Amino acid sequence: MKPLINGAGFYHIESETRNSMRTDLIIDYGSQQFIVELKLWKGEQKHEKAHEQLIEYLNSKNKTEGYLLTFDFRKRRAKKPSAKWVRKGKKKFLDCLCV
């Protein structure tokens, strides 16, 4: 992360929110703040729960936009890499599946 931020910001790993939850990664870059949730692929049901978890983090930081990066390291993958914007209520996030 340091080479990407390159002195223009900083990042927090496992940062605690107001309600004692822990976000995976928060990046402060210039005047912007990016909320990032990192997950391993464990099926559709767990993936939907990751959506809910990210929305809770966004609510706790009073943000409307975030990022969900899901990694699938299984040898037999059922899905292909993808990235799409998901909107749930007033929140939106980039949902990326990395294989």
N, C-alpha and C. Protein backbone atom coordinates (compact mmCIF):
# COMPACT_ATOMS: atom_id res chain seq x y z
N MET A 1 0.82 -1.20 0.00
CA MET A 1 0.00 0.00 0.00
C MET A 1 0.87 1.27 0.00
N LYS A 2 1.98 1.24 0.70
CA LYS A 2 2.80 2.44 0.79
C LYS A 2 3.21 3.01 -0.57
N PRO A 3 3.66 2.16 -1.51
CA PRO A 3 4.02 2.73 -2.82
C PRO A 3 2.83 3.35 -3.55
N LEU A 4 1.64 2.81 -3.35
CA LEU A 4 0.45 3.37 -4.02
C LEU A 4 0.07 4.72 -3.42
N ILE A 5 0.11 4.80 -2.11
CA ILE A 5 -0.27 6.03 -1.42
C ILE A 5 0.82 7.10 -1.59
N ASN A 6 2.08 6.67 -1.54
CA ASN A 6 3.25 7.50 -1.85
C ASN A 6 3.25 8.85 -1.14
N GLY A 7 3.02 8.86 0.15
CA GLY A 7 3.11 10.09 0.93
C GLY A 7 1.90 10.98 0.86
N ALA A 8 0.90 10.65 0.05
CA ALA A 8 -0.29 11.50 -0.08
C ALA A 8 -1.43 11.05 0.84
N GLY A 9 -1.18 10.04 1.66
CA GLY A 9 -2.22 9.55 2.56
C GLY A 9 -1.67 8.48 3.46
N PHE A 10 -2.57 7.75 4.09
CA PHE A 10 -2.18 6.65 4.96
C PHE A 10 -3.30 5.64 5.01
N TYR A 11 -3.04 4.50 5.62
CA TYR A 11 -4.04 3.44 5.69
C TYR A 11 -4.07 2.82 7.07
N HIS A 12 -5.21 2.24 7.41
CA HIS A 12 -5.42 1.57 8.70
C HIS A 12 -5.83 0.14 8.40
N ILE A 13 -5.20 -0.80 9.05
CA ILE A 13 -5.58 -2.21 8.91
C ILE A 13 -6.29 -2.62 10.19
N GLU A 14 -7.43 -3.31 10.04
CA GLU A 14 -8.24 -3.75 11.19
C GLU A 14 -8.61 -2.57 12.08
N SER A 15 -9.08 -1.52 11.47
CA SER A 15 -9.46 -0.31 12.20
C SER A 15 -10.79 -0.51 12.91
N GLU A 16 -10.87 -0.06 14.16
CA GLU A 16 -12.09 -0.23 14.96
C GLU A 16 -13.08 0.90 14.66
N THR A 17 -14.35 0.52 14.49
CA THR A 17 -15.40 1.51 14.23
C THR A 17 -16.03 1.94 15.56
N ARG A 18 -16.96 2.87 15.48
CA ARG A 18 -17.63 3.39 16.69
C ARG A 18 -18.34 2.30 17.48
N ASN A 19 -18.89 1.30 16.80
CA ASN A 19 -19.64 0.26 17.50
C ASN A 19 -18.78 -0.98 17.74
N SER A 20 -17.46 -0.79 17.86
CA SER A 20 -16.48 -1.83 18.19
C SER A 20 -16.35 -2.93 17.14
N MET A 21 -16.79 -2.68 15.92
CA MET A 21 -16.55 -3.61 14.82
C MET A 21 -15.19 -3.25 14.23
N ARG A 22 -14.61 -4.17 13.44
CA ARG A 22 -13.31 -3.91 12.86
C ARG A 22 -13.38 -4.03 11.33
N THR A 23 -13.06 -2.92 10.66
CA THR A 23 -13.00 -2.95 9.20
C THR A 23 -11.64 -3.50 8.79
N ASP A 24 -11.57 -4.12 7.63
CA ASP A 24 -10.31 -4.71 7.18
C ASP A 24 -9.30 -3.65 6.77
N LEU A 25 -9.75 -2.67 5.99
CA LEU A 25 -8.81 -1.69 5.47
C LEU A 25 -9.53 -0.36 5.24
N ILE A 26 -8.94 0.71 5.76
CA ILE A 26 -9.42 2.06 5.48
C ILE A 26 -8.24 2.83 4.91
N ILE A 27 -8.45 3.45 3.76
CA ILE A 27 -7.40 4.22 3.12
C ILE A 27 -7.82 5.68 3.10
N ASP A 28 -7.00 6.53 3.68
CA ASP A 28 -7.19 7.97 3.62
C ASP A 28 -6.21 8.50 2.58
N TYR A 29 -6.74 9.06 1.51
CA TYR A 29 -5.90 9.56 0.42
C TYR A 29 -6.38 10.96 0.06
N GLY A 30 -5.54 11.94 0.30
CA GLY A 30 -5.97 13.32 0.10
C GLY A 30 -7.12 13.61 1.03
N SER A 31 -8.21 14.09 0.50
CA SER A 31 -9.39 14.40 1.33
C SER A 31 -10.42 13.27 1.29
N GLN A 32 -10.08 12.15 0.65
CA GLN A 32 -11.02 11.04 0.52
C GLN A 32 -10.69 9.90 1.47
N GLN A 33 -11.72 9.14 1.81
CA GLN A 33 -11.55 7.95 2.65
C GLN A 33 -12.23 6.78 1.95
N PHE A 34 -11.50 5.67 1.82
CA PHE A 34 -11.99 4.49 1.14
C PHE A 34 -12.13 3.35 2.15
N ILE A 35 -13.31 2.74 2.22
CA ILE A 35 -13.58 1.61 3.10
C ILE A 35 -13.51 0.34 2.26
N VAL A 36 -12.63 -0.59 2.65
CA VAL A 36 -12.41 -1.81 1.88
C VAL A 36 -12.59 -3.02 2.78
N GLU A 37 -13.42 -3.94 2.35
CA GLU A 37 -13.62 -5.22 3.06
C GLU A 37 -12.98 -6.32 2.23
N LEU A 38 -12.20 -7.18 2.86
CA LEU A 38 -11.50 -8.28 2.19
C LEU A 38 -12.09 -9.60 2.68
N LYS A 39 -12.39 -10.50 1.75
CA LYS A 39 -12.99 -11.80 2.10
C LYS A 39 -12.40 -12.90 1.25
N LEU A 40 -12.50 -14.12 1.76
CA LEU A 40 -12.24 -15.33 0.99
C LEU A 40 -13.58 -15.88 0.52
N TRP A 41 -13.62 -16.44 -0.70
CA TRP A 41 -14.87 -16.99 -1.21
C TRP A 41 -15.25 -18.22 -0.41
N LYS A 42 -16.47 -18.18 0.15
CA LYS A 42 -17.00 -19.32 0.91
C LYS A 42 -18.45 -19.57 0.54
N GLY A 43 -18.83 -19.22 -0.67
CA GLY A 43 -20.19 -19.46 -1.14
C GLY A 43 -21.03 -18.20 -1.20
N GLU A 44 -22.15 -18.32 -1.91
CA GLU A 44 -23.05 -17.18 -2.13
C GLU A 44 -23.61 -16.61 -0.82
N GLN A 45 -24.00 -17.48 0.08
CA GLN A 45 -24.60 -17.03 1.34
C GLN A 45 -23.62 -16.18 2.15
N LYS A 46 -22.38 -16.62 2.25
CA LYS A 46 -21.36 -15.85 2.98
C LYS A 46 -21.06 -14.55 2.24
N HIS A 47 -21.14 -14.60 0.92
CA HIS A 47 -20.88 -13.40 0.12
C HIS A 47 -21.95 -12.34 0.39
N GLU A 48 -23.19 -12.76 0.50
CA GLU A 48 -24.28 -11.82 0.83
C GLU A 48 -24.08 -11.23 2.22
N LYS A 49 -23.59 -12.04 3.15
CA LYS A 49 -23.30 -11.53 4.50
C LYS A 49 -22.18 -10.50 4.46
N ALA A 50 -21.22 -10.70 3.55
CA ALA A 50 -20.14 -9.72 3.39
C ALA A 50 -20.71 -8.38 2.91
N HIS A 51 -21.72 -8.43 2.03
CA HIS A 51 -22.40 -7.19 1.60
C HIS A 51 -22.97 -6.47 2.81
N GLU A 52 -23.69 -7.20 3.66
CA GLU A 52 -24.30 -6.61 4.85
C GLU A 52 -23.24 -6.03 5.79
N GLN A 53 -22.14 -6.76 5.96
CA GLN A 53 -21.07 -6.31 6.83
C GLN A 53 -20.46 -5.00 6.31
N LEU A 54 -20.20 -4.93 5.02
CA LEU A 54 -19.65 -3.72 4.44
C LEU A 54 -20.61 -2.55 4.62
N ILE A 55 -21.88 -2.78 4.42
CA ILE A 55 -22.88 -1.71 4.60
C ILE A 55 -22.87 -1.21 6.04
N GLU A 56 -22.74 -2.11 7.00
CA GLU A 56 -22.64 -1.69 8.41
C GLU A 56 -21.41 -0.81 8.63
N TYR A 57 -20.28 -1.18 8.03
CA TYR A 57 -19.07 -0.37 8.16
C TYR A 57 -19.27 1.00 7.52
N LEU A 58 -19.90 1.03 6.35
CA LEU A 58 -20.17 2.31 5.69
C LEU A 58 -21.06 3.18 6.56
N ASN A 59 -22.08 2.58 7.17
CA ASN A 59 -22.95 3.33 8.07
C ASN A 59 -22.16 3.90 9.25
N SER A 60 -21.27 3.10 9.82
CA SER A 60 -20.52 3.54 11.00
C SER A 60 -19.57 4.69 10.67
N LYS A 61 -19.12 4.77 9.44
CA LYS A 61 -18.21 5.85 9.02
C LYS A 61 -18.95 6.96 8.26
N ASN A 62 -20.28 6.83 8.19
CA ASN A 62 -21.12 7.82 7.50
C ASN A 62 -20.69 8.01 6.04
N LYS A 63 -20.44 6.89 5.37
CA LYS A 63 -20.03 6.88 3.96
C LYS A 63 -21.10 6.21 3.12
N THR A 64 -21.13 6.53 1.84
CA THR A 64 -22.12 5.93 0.94
C THR A 64 -21.49 4.95 -0.05
N GLU A 65 -20.16 4.93 -0.11
CA GLU A 65 -19.48 4.12 -1.13
C GLU A 65 -18.32 3.33 -0.52
N GLY A 66 -18.19 2.06 -0.93
CA GLY A 66 -17.11 1.23 -0.43
C GLY A 66 -16.68 0.20 -1.45
N TYR A 67 -15.85 -0.74 -0.98
CA TYR A 67 -15.25 -1.73 -1.87
C TYR A 67 -15.20 -3.08 -1.17
N LEU A 68 -15.60 -4.13 -1.89
CA LEU A 68 -15.54 -5.50 -1.39
C LEU A 68 -14.67 -6.30 -2.34
N LEU A 69 -13.53 -6.81 -1.83
CA LEU A 69 -12.64 -7.65 -2.61
C LEU A 69 -12.72 -9.06 -2.07
N THR A 70 -13.19 -9.98 -2.89
CA THR A 70 -13.33 -11.38 -2.49
C THR A 70 -12.35 -12.20 -3.31
N PHE A 71 -11.56 -13.01 -2.62
CA PHE A 71 -10.53 -13.83 -3.26
C PHE A 71 -10.96 -15.28 -3.26
N ASP A 72 -10.83 -15.93 -4.42
CA ASP A 72 -11.18 -17.35 -4.56
C ASP A 72 -9.90 -18.10 -4.93
N PHE A 73 -9.32 -18.79 -3.95
CA PHE A 73 -8.07 -19.51 -4.16
C PHE A 73 -8.28 -21.00 -4.42
N ARG A 74 -9.55 -21.42 -4.56
CA ARG A 74 -9.81 -22.85 -4.80
C ARG A 74 -9.26 -23.25 -6.17
N LYS A 75 -8.84 -24.50 -6.27
CA LYS A 75 -8.32 -25.00 -7.55
C LYS A 75 -9.43 -25.10 -8.59
N ARG A 76 -10.63 -25.52 -8.17
CA ARG A 76 -11.77 -25.64 -9.09
C ARG A 76 -12.74 -24.50 -8.79
N ARG A 77 -12.63 -23.45 -9.56
CA ARG A 77 -13.48 -22.28 -9.34
C ARG A 77 -14.72 -22.38 -10.22
N ALA A 78 -15.86 -22.03 -9.64
CA ALA A 78 -17.10 -22.04 -10.41
C ALA A 78 -17.35 -20.68 -11.06
N LYS A 79 -16.64 -19.66 -10.60
CA LYS A 79 -16.88 -18.30 -11.10
C LYS A 79 -15.63 -17.76 -11.77
N LYS A 80 -15.84 -16.73 -12.57
CA LYS A 80 -14.74 -16.04 -13.25
C LYS A 80 -14.52 -14.70 -12.56
N PRO A 81 -13.35 -14.11 -12.75
CA PRO A 81 -13.11 -12.78 -12.15
C PRO A 81 -14.18 -11.79 -12.62
N SER A 82 -14.59 -10.94 -11.72
CA SER A 82 -15.61 -9.95 -12.08
C SER A 82 -15.49 -8.73 -11.18
N ALA A 83 -16.04 -7.64 -11.65
CA ALA A 83 -16.13 -6.41 -10.88
C ALA A 83 -17.41 -5.69 -11.31
N LYS A 84 -18.25 -5.39 -10.35
CA LYS A 84 -19.49 -4.69 -10.67
C LYS A 84 -19.91 -3.82 -9.50
N TRP A 85 -20.55 -2.71 -9.83
CA TRP A 85 -21.08 -1.84 -8.79
C TRP A 85 -22.42 -2.41 -8.31
N VAL A 86 -22.59 -2.51 -7.01
CA VAL A 86 -23.82 -3.01 -6.40
C VAL A 86 -24.43 -1.87 -5.61
N ARG A 87 -25.71 -1.66 -5.77
CA ARG A 87 -26.42 -0.63 -5.01
C ARG A 87 -27.42 -1.30 -4.09
N LYS A 88 -27.35 -0.97 -2.82
CA LYS A 88 -28.30 -1.47 -1.83
C LYS A 88 -28.77 -0.27 -1.01
N GLY A 89 -29.99 0.15 -1.27
CA GLY A 89 -30.49 1.35 -0.62
C GLY A 89 -29.68 2.55 -1.06
N LYS A 90 -29.19 3.32 -0.10
CA LYS A 90 -28.40 4.51 -0.40
C LYS A 90 -26.91 4.21 -0.47
N LYS A 91 -26.54 2.97 -0.31
CA LYS A 91 -25.13 2.57 -0.34
C LYS A 91 -24.79 1.91 -1.66
N LYS A 92 -23.56 2.12 -2.12
CA LYS A 92 -23.09 1.40 -3.31
C LYS A 92 -21.65 1.00 -3.07
N PHE A 93 -21.29 -0.14 -3.65
CA PHE A 93 -19.92 -0.62 -3.48
C PHE A 93 -19.50 -1.42 -4.71
N LEU A 94 -18.20 -1.37 -4.94
CA LEU A 94 -17.62 -2.15 -6.02
C LEU A 94 -17.35 -3.56 -5.48
N ASP A 95 -18.02 -4.54 -6.06
CA ASP A 95 -17.92 -5.93 -5.63
C ASP A 95 -17.00 -6.64 -6.62
N CYS A 96 -15.79 -6.97 -6.18
CA CYS A 96 -14.78 -7.59 -7.05
C CYS A 96 -14.52 -9.01 -6.61
N LEU A 97 -14.58 -9.94 -7.56
CA LEU A 97 -14.20 -11.32 -7.31
C LEU A 97 -12.86 -11.53 -7.99
N CYS A 98 -11.86 -11.84 -7.19
CA CYS A 98 -10.49 -12.03 -7.68
C CYS A 98 -10.16 -13.51 -7.63
N VAL A 99 -9.73 -14.06 -8.76
CA VAL A 99 -9.38 -15.49 -8.79
C VAL A 99 -7.97 -15.68 -9.29
